[in-house]
Amino acid sequence: MRYSCESAKEDYDSDNSNPIKCKGIFEINSIEEENFSPKSQIKNDKLDNNLKEESSIQLNLSNYNLLYPIVDSSFNYAGNYENYVTNVLSSIIMLDLKIEQKEKEESNKETLRNKIKNILNDSNKQILLLDLDETLIHADFEGIFKNLNNYDTIINFNDENNNYSVGIFLRPGIYDFLNTLKDKFDIFIYTASTKEYANSVVKFLDPENQIFKMTFYRKNCININGQIYIKDLSIFDNLEKIVIVDNSLYSFMCHLSNGILINSFYGDKSDIELYSVLNYLISFVSNCDDIRKMNEQFFNFKGIMNEIKKNMENNQKLK
């Protein structure tokens, strides 16, 4: 997700927490605040049917062998956004995953649903799910930047009786982003990381527990051979109120219309992606009736996937 304005950071007034309207474009579709005309206009009835299909997807996995290459999220960088999206959506089609239900997992999901309901306590806010690694922060597990001594913090945690000390880079604008949105959305962390590591990062980001309602971990994801971790949005009610921000398109592959894809972050101090997402969330998402329709108009992931499917089918007919 990328604005083309000279500096998205300048389009956010942190003094009064108001988004300044940015006359720019996202990398896929154009945006005009007053006269919005998406590049790929979608008929409402067709979109409604697509969203119904998405809502009914069963999100539990039986054993599955991956026969096609997975596109790593490191390829989701500035200037390669469209290419990354096209390749991931193509791989999802080729994978053609068959997802089955398991009684035990369904029971666990019901427990989570009840916990979420208790936490939200009849809140009318929309729900914002945030990925952690390469979305909000970058953890230098490999120690690549260790000698530079320019980490924003170092976290210490114990996982399976092993002690770890990891340098952390915070994505620029993270506190403007979180502090502005905490009063407008119910915010959850949804990460594919382990509980011990994720809790250490979340405790640093939100030491007073004022921002995040709850954290979901790798164990709450659908694990496909350790290569793909799908975030299971079906644990939430009212999908029209759910939006997830993630640097991996696979993370929300079963609910494409709920997702905002952000470029992967690896410590770049000049990164302005969170300001772009902040402007979009406040200007377009926070007041809409169905987040899925808004996202589909802007990012058109399902529309792109349908076009790829048609092209594949046409190519098969030509053979």
C-alpha atoms as a PDB file:
ATOM      1  CA  MET A   1       0.000   0.000   0.000  1.00  0.00           C
ATOM      2  CA  ARG A   2       1.658   3.182  -1.144  1.00  0.00           C
ATOM      3  CA  TYR A   3       0.779   6.857  -1.514  1.00  0.00           C
ATOM      4  CA  SER A   4       2.436   8.694  -4.355  1.00  0.00           C
ATOM      5  CA  CYS A   5       2.511  12.029  -2.544  1.00  0.00           C
ATOM      6  CA  GLU A   6       5.918  13.487  -1.780  1.00  0.00           C
ATOM      7  CA  SER A   7       5.618  12.625   1.904  1.00  0.00           C
ATOM      8  CA  ALA A   8       2.687  10.794   3.439  1.00  0.00           C
ATOM      9  CA  LYS A   9       4.082  11.699   6.859  1.00  0.00           C
ATOM     10  CA  GLU A  10       3.413  15.341   6.106  1.00  0.00           C
ATOM     11  CA  ASP A  11      -0.209  14.486   5.351  1.00  0.00           C
ATOM     12  CA  TYR A  12      -0.799  13.598   8.989  1.00  0.00           C
ATOM     13  CA  ASP A  13      -1.160  16.344  11.583  1.00  0.00           C
ATOM     14  CA  SER A  14      -0.056  14.696  14.830  1.00  0.00           C
ATOM     15  CA  ASP A  15      -0.938  17.781  16.885  1.00  0.00           C
ATOM     16  CA  ASN A  16      -4.685  17.427  16.414  1.00  0.00           C
ATOM     17  CA  SER A  17      -4.831  13.785  15.275  1.00  0.00           C
ATOM     18  CA  ASN A  18      -6.659  14.698  12.077  1.00  0.00           C
ATOM     19  CA  PRO A  19      -5.796  13.167   8.732  1.00  0.00           C
ATOM     20  CA  ILE A  20      -4.867  15.716   6.094  1.00  0.00           C
ATOM     21  CA  LYS A  21      -6.381  14.724   2.768  1.00  0.00           C
ATOM     22  CA  CYS A  22      -3.654  13.479   0.482  1.00  0.00           C
ATOM     23  CA  LYS A  23      -4.003  13.999  -3.263  1.00  0.00           C
ATOM     24  CA  GLY A  24      -2.137  10.868  -4.174  1.00  0.00           C
ATOM     25  CA  ILE A  25      -2.669   7.339  -5.346  1.00  0.00           C
ATOM     26  CA  PHE A  26      -2.219   3.880  -4.028  1.00  0.00           C
ATOM     27  CA  GLU A  27      -0.034   1.656  -6.110  1.00  0.00           C
ATOM     28  CA  ILE A  28      -2.983  -0.270  -7.548  1.00  0.00           C
ATOM     29  CA  ASN A  29      -6.005   2.023  -7.715  1.00  0.00           C
ATOM     30  CA  SER A  30      -6.436   5.785  -7.827  1.00  0.00           C
ATOM     31  CA  ILE A  31      -7.967   7.774  -4.965  1.00  0.00           C
ATOM     32  CA  GLU A  32      -9.805  11.043  -5.028  1.00  0.00           C
ATOM     33  CA  GLU A  33     -11.481  12.111  -1.796  1.00  0.00           C
ATOM     34  CA  GLU A  34     -14.295  14.175  -3.278  1.00  0.00           C
ATOM     35  CA  ASN A  35     -14.946  12.271  -6.482  1.00  0.00           C
ATOM     36  CA  PHE A  36     -13.950   8.699  -5.845  1.00  0.00           C
ATOM     37  CA  SER A  37     -13.776   6.631  -9.006  1.00  0.00           C
ATOM     38  CA  PRO A  38     -11.916   3.315  -8.595  1.00  0.00           C
ATOM     39  CA  LYS A  39     -10.046   1.993 -11.602  1.00  0.00           C
ATOM     40  CA  SER A  40     -11.994  -1.260 -11.451  1.00  0.00           C
ATOM     41  CA  GLN A  41     -15.602  -0.508 -10.527  1.00  0.00           C
ATOM     42  CA  ILE A  42     -17.392  -3.580  -9.183  1.00  0.00           C
ATOM     43  CA  LYS A  43     -21.117  -4.144  -9.368  1.00  0.00           C
ATOM     44  CA  ASN A  44     -22.645  -4.264  -5.891  1.00  0.00           C
ATOM     45  CA  ASP A  45     -24.654  -7.434  -6.450  1.00  0.00           C
ATOM     46  CA  LYS A  46     -21.613  -9.346  -7.710  1.00  0.00           C
ATOM     47  CA  LEU A  47     -19.511  -8.036  -4.835  1.00  0.00           C
ATOM     48  CA  ASP A  48     -22.172  -8.999  -2.292  1.00  0.00           C
ATOM     49  CA  ASN A  49     -22.174 -12.575  -3.607  1.00  0.00           C
ATOM     50  CA  ASN A  50     -18.368 -12.736  -3.419  1.00  0.00           C
ATOM     51  CA  LEU A  51     -18.417 -11.504   0.171  1.00  0.00           C
ATOM     52  CA  LYS A  52     -21.023 -14.091   1.136  1.00  0.00           C
ATOM     53  CA  GLU A  53     -18.827 -16.823  -0.302  1.00  0.00           C
ATOM     54  CA  GLU A  54     -15.839 -15.439   1.608  1.00  0.00           C
ATOM     55  CA  SER A  55     -17.760 -15.369   4.874  1.00  0.00           C
ATOM     56  CA  SER A  56     -18.661 -19.046   4.638  1.00  0.00           C
ATOM     57  CA  ILE A  57     -15.127 -20.357   4.034  1.00  0.00           C
ATOM     58  CA  GLN A  58     -14.120 -23.180   6.370  1.00  0.00           C
ATOM     59  CA  LEU A  59     -10.725 -22.336   7.809  1.00  0.00           C
ATOM     60  CA  ASN A  60      -9.278 -25.539   9.254  1.00  0.00           C
ATOM     61  CA  LEU A  61      -6.707 -27.581   7.474  1.00  0.00           C
ATOM     62  CA  SER A  62      -6.107 -31.280   6.960  1.00  0.00           C
ATOM     63  CA  ASN A  63      -2.690 -32.543   5.822  1.00  0.00           C
ATOM     64  CA  TYR A  64      -1.735 -30.888   2.563  1.00  0.00           C
ATOM     65  CA  ASN A  65       1.356 -31.159   0.376  1.00  0.00           C
ATOM     66  CA  LEU A  66       2.458 -27.933  -1.290  1.00  0.00           C
ATOM     67  CA  LEU A  67       3.188 -28.563  -4.954  1.00  0.00           C
ATOM     68  CA  TYR A  68       3.761 -24.950  -5.996  1.00  0.00           C
ATOM     69  CA  PRO A  69       6.329 -22.366  -4.835  1.00  0.00           C
ATOM     70  CA  ILE A  70       5.318 -19.873  -2.159  1.00  0.00           C
ATOM     71  CA  VAL A  71       6.142 -16.201  -2.742  1.00  0.00           C
ATOM     72  CA  ASP A  72       8.077 -14.894   0.246  1.00  0.00           C
ATOM     73  CA  SER A  73       6.879 -11.624   1.807  1.00  0.00           C
ATOM     74  CA  SER A  74      10.391 -10.185   1.353  1.00  0.00           C
ATOM     75  CA  PHE A  75       9.328  -9.668  -2.285  1.00  0.00           C
ATOM     76  CA  ASN A  76       6.637  -7.269  -1.057  1.00  0.00           C
ATOM     77  CA  TYR A  77       8.750  -4.135  -1.270  1.00  0.00           C
ATOM     78  CA  ALA A  78       8.230  -0.649  -2.686  1.00  0.00           C
ATOM     79  CA  GLY A  79       8.130  -0.781  -6.464  1.00  0.00           C
ATOM     80  CA  ASN A  80       7.283  -4.484  -6.558  1.00  0.00           C
ATOM     81  CA  TYR A  81       3.807  -4.326  -4.994  1.00  0.00           C
ATOM     82  CA  GLU A  82       1.723  -5.204  -8.053  1.00  0.00           C
ATOM     83  CA  ASN A  83       4.128  -7.956  -9.058  1.00  0.00           C
ATOM     84  CA  TYR A  84       3.983  -9.451  -5.556  1.00  0.00           C
ATOM     85  CA  VAL A  85       0.170  -9.309  -5.471  1.00  0.00           C
ATOM     86  CA  THR A  86      -0.163 -10.952  -8.902  1.00  0.00           C
ATOM     87  CA  ASN A  87       2.292 -13.722  -8.083  1.00  0.00           C
ATOM     88  CA  VAL A  88       0.765 -14.511  -4.692  1.00  0.00           C
ATOM     89  CA  LEU A  89      -2.787 -14.578  -6.047  1.00  0.00           C
ATOM     90  CA  SER A  90      -1.611 -16.827  -8.893  1.00  0.00           C
ATOM     91  CA  SER A  91       0.017 -19.202  -6.423  1.00  0.00           C
ATOM     92  CA  ILE A  92      -3.147 -19.286  -4.300  1.00  0.00           C
ATOM     93  CA  ILE A  93      -5.158 -20.334  -7.356  1.00  0.00           C
ATOM     94  CA  MET A  94      -2.603 -22.989  -8.256  1.00  0.00           C
ATOM     95  CA  LEU A  95      -2.514 -24.324  -4.697  1.00  0.00           C
ATOM     96  CA  ASP A  96      -6.291 -24.781  -4.758  1.00  0.00           C
ATOM     97  CA  LEU A  97      -6.265 -25.559  -1.032  1.00  0.00           C
ATOM     98  CA  LYS A  98      -8.962 -27.862   0.271  1.00  0.00           C
ATOM     99  CA  ILE A  99      -9.644 -26.854   3.836  1.00  0.00           C
ATOM    100  CA  GLU A 100     -11.533 -29.190   6.117  1.00  0.00           C
ATOM    101  CA  GLN A 101     -13.139 -28.833   9.490  1.00  0.00           C
ATOM    102  CA  LYS A 102     -11.935 -30.601  12.624  1.00  0.00           C
ATOM    103  CA  GLU A 103     -14.134 -30.923  15.691  1.00  0.00           C
ATOM    104  CA  LYS A 104     -11.358 -30.036  18.136  1.00  0.00           C
ATOM    105  CA  GLU A 105     -10.384 -26.920  16.206  1.00  0.00           C
ATOM    106  CA  GLU A 106     -14.002 -25.810  15.915  1.00  0.00           C
ATOM    107  CA  SER A 107     -14.322 -26.172  19.691  1.00  0.00           C
ATOM    108  CA  ASN A 108     -11.217 -24.023  20.180  1.00  0.00           C
ATOM    109  CA  LYS A 109     -12.642 -21.419  17.815  1.00  0.00           C
ATOM    110  CA  GLU A 110     -15.864 -21.232  19.784  1.00  0.00           C
ATOM    111  CA  THR A 111     -13.859 -20.656  22.971  1.00  0.00           C
ATOM    112  CA  LEU A 112     -12.003 -17.816  21.256  1.00  0.00           C
ATOM    113  CA  ARG A 113     -15.243 -16.295  19.960  1.00  0.00           C
ATOM    114  CA  ASN A 114     -16.676 -16.186  23.476  1.00  0.00           C
ATOM    115  CA  LYS A 115     -13.480 -14.622  24.822  1.00  0.00           C
ATOM    116  CA  ILE A 116     -13.538 -11.962  22.109  1.00  0.00           C
ATOM    117  CA  LYS A 117     -17.185 -11.145  22.856  1.00  0.00           C
ATOM    118  CA  ASN A 118     -16.383 -10.699  26.539  1.00  0.00           C
ATOM    119  CA  ILE A 119     -13.450  -8.421  25.765  1.00  0.00           C
ATOM    120  CA  LEU A 120     -15.393  -6.267  23.302  1.00  0.00           C
ATOM    121  CA  ASN A 121     -18.380  -6.020  25.647  1.00  0.00           C
ATOM    122  CA  ASP A 122     -20.873  -4.911  22.970  1.00  0.00           C
ATOM    123  CA  SER A 123     -18.497  -2.325  21.503  1.00  0.00           C
ATOM    124  CA  ASN A 124     -19.743  -0.700  18.290  1.00  0.00           C
ATOM    125  CA  LYS A 125     -16.256   0.067  17.007  1.00  0.00           C
ATOM    126  CA  GLN A 126     -14.780  -1.558  13.961  1.00  0.00           C
ATOM    127  CA  ILE A 127     -12.052  -4.123  14.608  1.00  0.00           C
ATOM    128  CA  LEU A 128      -8.476  -3.584  13.444  1.00  0.00           C
ATOM    129  CA  LEU A 129      -6.175  -6.625  13.344  1.00  0.00           C
ATOM    130  CA  LEU A 130      -2.466  -5.840  13.109  1.00  0.00           C
ATOM    131  CA  ASP A 131       0.336  -8.160  12.149  1.00  0.00           C
ATOM    132  CA  LEU A 132       3.568  -7.715  14.096  1.00  0.00           C
ATOM    133  CA  ASP A 133       6.758  -8.693  12.230  1.00  0.00           C
ATOM    134  CA  GLU A 134       7.583  -6.649   9.121  1.00  0.00           C
ATOM    135  CA  THR A 135       4.299  -4.776   9.601  1.00  0.00           C
ATOM    136  CA  LEU A 136       4.774  -2.858  12.868  1.00  0.00           C
ATOM    137  CA  ILE A 137       8.342  -3.868  13.706  1.00  0.00           C
ATOM    138  CA  HIS A 138      11.359  -5.789  12.425  1.00  0.00           C
ATOM    139  CA  ALA A 139      13.202  -8.166  14.736  1.00  0.00           C
ATOM    140  CA  ASP A 140      16.862  -8.712  13.851  1.00  0.00           C
ATOM    141  CA  PHE A 141      17.042 -12.387  14.826  1.00  0.00           C
ATOM    142  CA  GLU A 142      19.991 -12.933  12.474  1.00  0.00           C
ATOM    143  CA  GLY A 143      21.975 -10.084  14.062  1.00  0.00           C
ATOM    144  CA  ILE A 144      22.583  -8.450  10.671  1.00  0.00           C
ATOM    145  CA  PHE A 145      22.542  -4.924  12.150  1.00  0.00           C
ATOM    146  CA  LYS A 146      24.084  -5.810  15.511  1.00  0.00           C
ATOM    147  CA  ASN A 147      27.338  -3.922  14.953  1.00  0.00           C
ATOM    148  CA  LEU A 148      25.514  -0.742  13.948  1.00  0.00           C
ATOM    149  CA  ASN A 149      24.038  -0.428  17.451  1.00  0.00           C
ATOM    150  CA  ASN A 150      20.956   1.428  16.177  1.00  0.00           C
ATOM    151  CA  TYR A 151      18.093  -0.734  17.453  1.00  0.00           C
ATOM    152  CA  ASP A 152      15.066   1.030  18.917  1.00  0.00           C
ATOM    153  CA  THR A 153      15.031  -1.512  21.728  1.00  0.00           C
ATOM    154  CA  ILE A 154      16.250  -4.985  22.617  1.00  0.00           C
ATOM    155  CA  ILE A 155      13.765  -7.517  23.945  1.00  0.00           C
ATOM    156  CA  ASN A 156      14.575 -10.545  26.062  1.00  0.00           C
ATOM    157  CA  PHE A 157      12.377 -13.624  26.266  1.00  0.00           C
ATOM    158  CA  ASN A 158      12.452 -17.335  27.013  1.00  0.00           C
ATOM    159  CA  ASP A 159      11.042 -19.842  24.553  1.00  0.00           C
ATOM    160  CA  GLU A 160      11.216 -23.603  25.144  1.00  0.00           C
ATOM    161  CA  ASN A 161      13.864 -23.131  27.864  1.00  0.00           C
ATOM    162  CA  ASN A 162      16.085 -21.054  25.572  1.00  0.00           C
ATOM    163  CA  ASN A 163      16.871 -17.416  26.355  1.00  0.00           C
ATOM    164  CA  TYR A 164      16.858 -14.910  23.513  1.00  0.00           C
ATOM    165  CA  SER A 165      17.942 -11.292  23.186  1.00  0.00           C
ATOM    166  CA  VAL A 166      16.766  -9.669  19.956  1.00  0.00           C
ATOM    167  CA  GLY A 167      17.208  -6.173  18.542  1.00  0.00           C
ATOM    168  CA  ILE A 168      13.987  -4.494  17.422  1.00  0.00           C
ATOM    169  CA  PHE A 169      13.384  -1.767  14.839  1.00  0.00           C
ATOM    170  CA  LEU A 170      10.096   0.130  15.207  1.00  0.00           C
ATOM    171  CA  ARG A 171       8.389   1.123  11.980  1.00  0.00           C
ATOM    172  CA  PRO A 172       8.399   4.938  11.670  1.00  0.00           C
ATOM    173  CA  GLY A 173       5.101   6.447  12.762  1.00  0.00           C
ATOM    174  CA  ILE A 174       4.078   3.454  14.867  1.00  0.00           C
ATOM    175  CA  TYR A 175       3.030   5.482  17.908  1.00  0.00           C
ATOM    176  CA  ASP A 176       1.187   8.127  15.849  1.00  0.00           C
ATOM    177  CA  PHE A 177      -0.584   5.224  14.158  1.00  0.00           C
ATOM    178  CA  LEU A 178      -1.538   3.340  17.324  1.00  0.00           C
ATOM    179  CA  ASN A 179      -2.426   6.328  19.501  1.00  0.00           C
ATOM    180  CA  THR A 180      -4.660   7.838  16.809  1.00  0.00           C
ATOM    181  CA  LEU A 181      -6.518   4.617  16.040  1.00  0.00           C
ATOM    182  CA  LYS A 182      -6.967   3.231  19.557  1.00  0.00           C
ATOM    183  CA  ASP A 183     -10.009   5.470  20.134  1.00  0.00           C
ATOM    184  CA  LYS A 184     -11.539   4.719  16.748  1.00  0.00           C
ATOM    185  CA  PHE A 185     -11.026   0.936  16.500  1.00  0.00           C
ATOM    186  CA  ASP A 186     -10.830  -2.065  18.780  1.00  0.00           C
ATOM    187  CA  ILE A 187      -7.246  -3.134  18.060  1.00  0.00           C
ATOM    188  CA  PHE A 188      -5.928  -6.700  18.215  1.00  0.00           C
ATOM    189  CA  ILE A 189      -2.492  -8.108  17.396  1.00  0.00           C
ATOM    190  CA  TYR A 190      -2.642 -11.163  15.115  1.00  0.00           C
ATOM    191  CA  THR A 191       0.822 -12.606  14.551  1.00  0.00           C
ATOM    192  CA  ALA A 192       2.266 -15.832  13.169  1.00  0.00           C
ATOM    193  CA  SER A 193       4.983 -15.638  15.832  1.00  0.00           C
ATOM    194  CA  THR A 194       5.261 -17.632  19.037  1.00  0.00           C
ATOM    195  CA  LYS A 195       3.449 -16.488  22.162  1.00  0.00           C
ATOM    196  CA  GLU A 196       6.592 -15.852  24.240  1.00  0.00           C
ATOM    197  CA  TYR A 197       8.254 -13.659  21.639  1.00  0.00           C
ATOM    198  CA  ALA A 198       5.071 -11.799  20.645  1.00  0.00           C
ATOM    199  CA  ASN A 199       4.146 -11.027  24.255  1.00  0.00           C
ATOM    200  CA  SER A 200       7.585  -9.482  24.834  1.00  0.00           C
ATOM    201  CA  VAL A 201       7.141  -7.155  21.863  1.00  0.00           C
ATOM    202  CA  VAL A 202       3.535  -6.273  22.719  1.00  0.00           C
ATOM    203  CA  LYS A 203       4.522  -5.501  26.333  1.00  0.00           C
ATOM    204  CA  PHE A 204       7.125  -3.048  25.039  1.00  0.00           C
ATOM    205  CA  LEU A 205       4.698  -1.400  22.593  1.00  0.00           C
ATOM    206  CA  ASP A 206       1.810  -1.213  25.049  1.00  0.00           C
ATOM    207  CA  PRO A 207       3.191  -1.395  28.622  1.00  0.00           C
ATOM    208  CA  GLU A 208       0.003   0.001  30.174  1.00  0.00           C
ATOM    209  CA  ASN A 209      -2.355  -2.252  28.159  1.00  0.00           C
ATOM    210  CA  GLN A 210      -4.136   0.784  26.747  1.00  0.00           C
ATOM    211  CA  ILE A 211      -3.976  -0.076  23.041  1.00  0.00           C
ATOM    212  CA  PHE A 212      -4.362  -3.778  22.271  1.00  0.00           C
ATOM    213  CA  LYS A 213      -7.433  -5.728  23.329  1.00  0.00           C
ATOM    214  CA  MET A 214      -5.865  -9.161  22.850  1.00  0.00           C
ATOM    215  CA  THR A 215      -3.086 -10.978  21.001  1.00  0.00           C
ATOM    216  CA  PHE A 216      -3.465 -13.983  18.694  1.00  0.00           C
ATOM    217  CA  TYR A 217      -0.439 -16.142  17.977  1.00  0.00           C
ATOM    218  CA  ARG A 218       0.925 -18.765  15.616  1.00  0.00           C
ATOM    219  CA  LYS A 219      -1.186 -21.406  17.345  1.00  0.00           C
ATOM    220  CA  ASN A 220      -4.292 -19.449  16.287  1.00  0.00           C
ATOM    221  CA  CYS A 221      -3.238 -19.515  12.621  1.00  0.00           C
ATOM    222  CA  ILE A 222      -3.827 -22.214  10.036  1.00  0.00           C
ATOM    223  CA  ASN A 223      -0.404 -23.747   9.451  1.00  0.00           C
ATOM    224  CA  ILE A 224       0.223 -25.111   5.965  1.00  0.00           C
ATOM    225  CA  ASN A 225       3.396 -27.190   6.169  1.00  0.00           C
ATOM    226  CA  GLY A 226       5.178 -24.470   8.104  1.00  0.00           C
ATOM    227  CA  GLN A 227       5.270 -22.323   4.957  1.00  0.00           C
ATOM    228  CA  ILE A 228       2.013 -20.391   5.133  1.00  0.00           C
ATOM    229  CA  TYR A 229       0.247 -19.129   8.254  1.00  0.00           C
ATOM    230  CA  ILE A 230      -3.316 -18.033   7.512  1.00  0.00           C
ATOM    231  CA  LYS A 231      -5.001 -15.697   9.999  1.00  0.00           C
ATOM    232  CA  ASP A 232      -8.419 -17.176  10.788  1.00  0.00           C
ATOM    233  CA  LEU A 233     -10.836 -14.238  10.671  1.00  0.00           C
ATOM    234  CA  SER A 234     -13.812 -16.547  11.137  1.00  0.00           C
ATOM    235  CA  ILE A 235     -13.216 -16.362  14.902  1.00  0.00           C
ATOM    236  CA  PHE A 236     -14.820 -12.916  14.682  1.00  0.00           C
ATOM    237  CA  ASP A 237     -18.473 -12.075  14.119  1.00  0.00           C
ATOM    238  CA  ASN A 238     -19.545  -9.392  11.638  1.00  0.00           C
ATOM    239  CA  LEU A 239     -16.815  -9.629   9.018  1.00  0.00           C
ATOM    240  CA  GLU A 240     -18.046  -6.365   7.506  1.00  0.00           C
ATOM    241  CA  LYS A 241     -16.475  -4.642  10.545  1.00  0.00           C
ATOM    242  CA  ILE A 242     -13.097  -6.411  10.370  1.00  0.00           C
ATOM    243  CA  VAL A 243      -9.919  -5.078   8.730  1.00  0.00           C
ATOM    244  CA  ILE A 244      -6.464  -6.681   8.904  1.00  0.00           C
ATOM    245  CA  VAL A 245      -3.153  -4.995   8.058  1.00  0.00           C
ATOM    246  CA  ASP A 246      -0.425  -7.454   7.102  1.00  0.00           C
ATOM    247  CA  ASN A 247       2.681  -7.608   4.912  1.00  0.00           C
ATOM    248  CA  SER A 248       1.834 -11.127   3.707  1.00  0.00           C
ATOM    249  CA  LEU A 249      -1.094 -11.585   1.339  1.00  0.00           C
ATOM    250  CA  TYR A 250      -1.275 -15.252   2.327  1.00  0.00           C
ATOM    251  CA  SER A 251      -2.210 -14.188   5.863  1.00  0.00           C
ATOM    252  CA  PHE A 252      -5.685 -13.103   4.751  1.00  0.00           C
ATOM    253  CA  MET A 253      -5.984 -15.261   1.628  1.00  0.00           C
ATOM    254  CA  CYS A 254      -9.321 -16.689   2.790  1.00  0.00           C
ATOM    255  CA  HIS A 255     -10.744 -13.220   3.447  1.00  0.00           C
ATOM    256  CA  LEU A 256      -9.100 -11.087   0.780  1.00  0.00           C
ATOM    257  CA  SER A 257     -11.646  -8.279   1.016  1.00  0.00           C
ATOM    258  CA  ASN A 258     -10.857  -7.705   4.693  1.00  0.00           C
ATOM    259  CA  GLY A 259      -7.169  -7.117   4.106  1.00  0.00           C
ATOM    260  CA  ILE A 260      -4.834  -4.164   3.629  1.00  0.00           C
ATOM    261  CA  LEU A 261      -1.463  -5.257   2.263  1.00  0.00           C
ATOM    262  CA  ILE A 262       1.426  -3.164   3.554  1.00  0.00           C
ATOM    263  CA  ASN A 263       4.985  -3.312   2.191  1.00  0.00           C
ATOM    264  CA  SER A 264       7.399  -5.388   4.294  1.00  0.00           C
ATOM    265  CA  PHE A 265       9.500  -3.397   6.771  1.00  0.00           C
ATOM    266  CA  TYR A 266      13.139  -4.283   7.479  1.00  0.00           C
ATOM    267  CA  GLY A 267      14.338  -1.247   9.420  1.00  0.00           C
ATOM    268  CA  ASP A 268      14.184   1.569   6.848  1.00  0.00           C
ATOM    269  CA  LYS A 269      14.029   4.811   8.867  1.00  0.00           C
ATOM    270  CA  SER A 270      12.523   6.689   5.904  1.00  0.00           C
ATOM    271  CA  ASP A 271       9.539   4.317   5.635  1.00  0.00           C
ATOM    272  CA  ILE A 272       6.141   6.130   5.573  1.00  0.00           C
ATOM    273  CA  GLU A 273       3.769   3.203   5.053  1.00  0.00           C
ATOM    274  CA  LEU A 274       2.001   3.495   8.415  1.00  0.00           C
ATOM    275  CA  TYR A 275       1.062   7.095   7.649  1.00  0.00           C
ATOM    276  CA  SER A 276      -0.445   5.975   4.344  1.00  0.00           C
ATOM    277  CA  VAL A 277      -2.449   3.240   6.059  1.00  0.00           C
ATOM    278  CA  LEU A 278      -3.500   5.668   8.805  1.00  0.00           C
ATOM    279  CA  ASN A 279      -4.894   8.129   6.274  1.00  0.00           C
ATOM    280  CA  TYR A 280      -6.773   5.376   4.465  1.00  0.00           C
ATOM    281  CA  LEU A 281      -8.257   3.928   7.661  1.00  0.00           C
ATOM    282  CA  ILE A 282      -9.480   7.281   8.944  1.00  0.00           C
ATOM    283  CA  SER A 283     -10.577   8.817   5.644  1.00  0.00           C
ATOM    284  CA  PHE A 284     -12.301   5.801   4.112  1.00  0.00           C
ATOM    285  CA  VAL A 285     -12.660   2.855   6.474  1.00  0.00           C
ATOM    286  CA  SER A 286     -13.646   4.307   9.835  1.00  0.00           C
ATOM    287  CA  ASN A 287     -17.060   5.524   8.666  1.00  0.00           C
ATOM    288  CA  CYS A 288     -18.014   2.914   6.065  1.00  0.00           C
ATOM    289  CA  ASP A 289     -20.782   0.348   6.548  1.00  0.00           C
ATOM    290  CA  ASP A 290     -18.884  -2.593   5.070  1.00  0.00           C
ATOM    291  CA  ILE A 291     -15.081  -2.551   5.153  1.00  0.00           C
ATOM    292  CA  ARG A 292     -14.935  -5.389   2.617  1.00  0.00           C
ATOM    293  CA  LYS A 293     -16.676  -3.330  -0.062  1.00  0.00           C
ATOM    294  CA  MET A 294     -14.411  -0.355   0.562  1.00  0.00           C
ATOM    295  CA  ASN A 295     -11.259  -2.480   0.450  1.00  0.00           C
ATOM    296  CA  GLU A 296     -12.371  -4.277  -2.685  1.00  0.00           C
ATOM    297  CA  GLN A 297     -12.982  -0.974  -4.454  1.00  0.00           C
ATOM    298  CA  PHE A 298      -9.497   0.248  -3.582  1.00  0.00           C
ATOM    299  CA  PHE A 299      -7.356  -2.882  -3.770  1.00  0.00           C
ATOM    300  CA  ASN A 300      -9.505  -5.194  -5.906  1.00  0.00           C
ATOM    301  CA  PHE A 301      -7.753  -8.392  -4.755  1.00  0.00           C
ATOM    302  CA  LYS A 302     -10.713 -10.609  -5.608  1.00  0.00           C
ATOM    303  CA  GLY A 303     -11.167  -8.883  -8.948  1.00  0.00           C
ATOM    304  CA  ILE A 304      -7.487  -9.398  -9.785  1.00  0.00           C
ATOM    305  CA  MET A 305      -7.744 -13.043  -8.779  1.00  0.00           C
ATOM    306  CA  ASN A 306     -10.782 -13.557 -10.996  1.00  0.00           C
ATOM    307  CA  GLU A 307      -8.920 -12.022 -13.949  1.00  0.00           C
ATOM    308  CA  ILE A 308      -5.955 -14.338 -13.335  1.00  0.00           C
ATOM    309  CA  LYS A 309      -8.317 -17.322 -13.238  1.00  0.00           C
ATOM    310  CA  LYS A 310      -9.872 -16.294 -16.555  1.00  0.00           C
ATOM    311  CA  ASN A 311      -6.456 -15.919 -18.164  1.00  0.00           C
ATOM    312  CA  MET A 312      -5.414 -19.340 -16.883  1.00  0.00           C
ATOM    313  CA  GLU A 313      -8.598 -20.916 -18.230  1.00  0.00           C
ATOM    314  CA  ASN A 314      -8.124 -19.227 -21.629  1.00  0.00           C
ATOM    315  CA  ASN A 315      -4.515 -20.415 -21.800  1.00  0.00           C
ATOM    316  CA  GLN A 316      -5.647 -23.961 -21.063  1.00  0.00           C
ATOM    317  CA  LYS A 317      -8.189 -23.812 -23.894  1.00  0.00           C
ATOM    318  CA  LEU A 318      -5.483 -22.673 -26.313  1.00  0.00           C
ATOM    319  CA  LYS A 319      -3.332 -25.727 -25.564  1.00  0.00           C
END
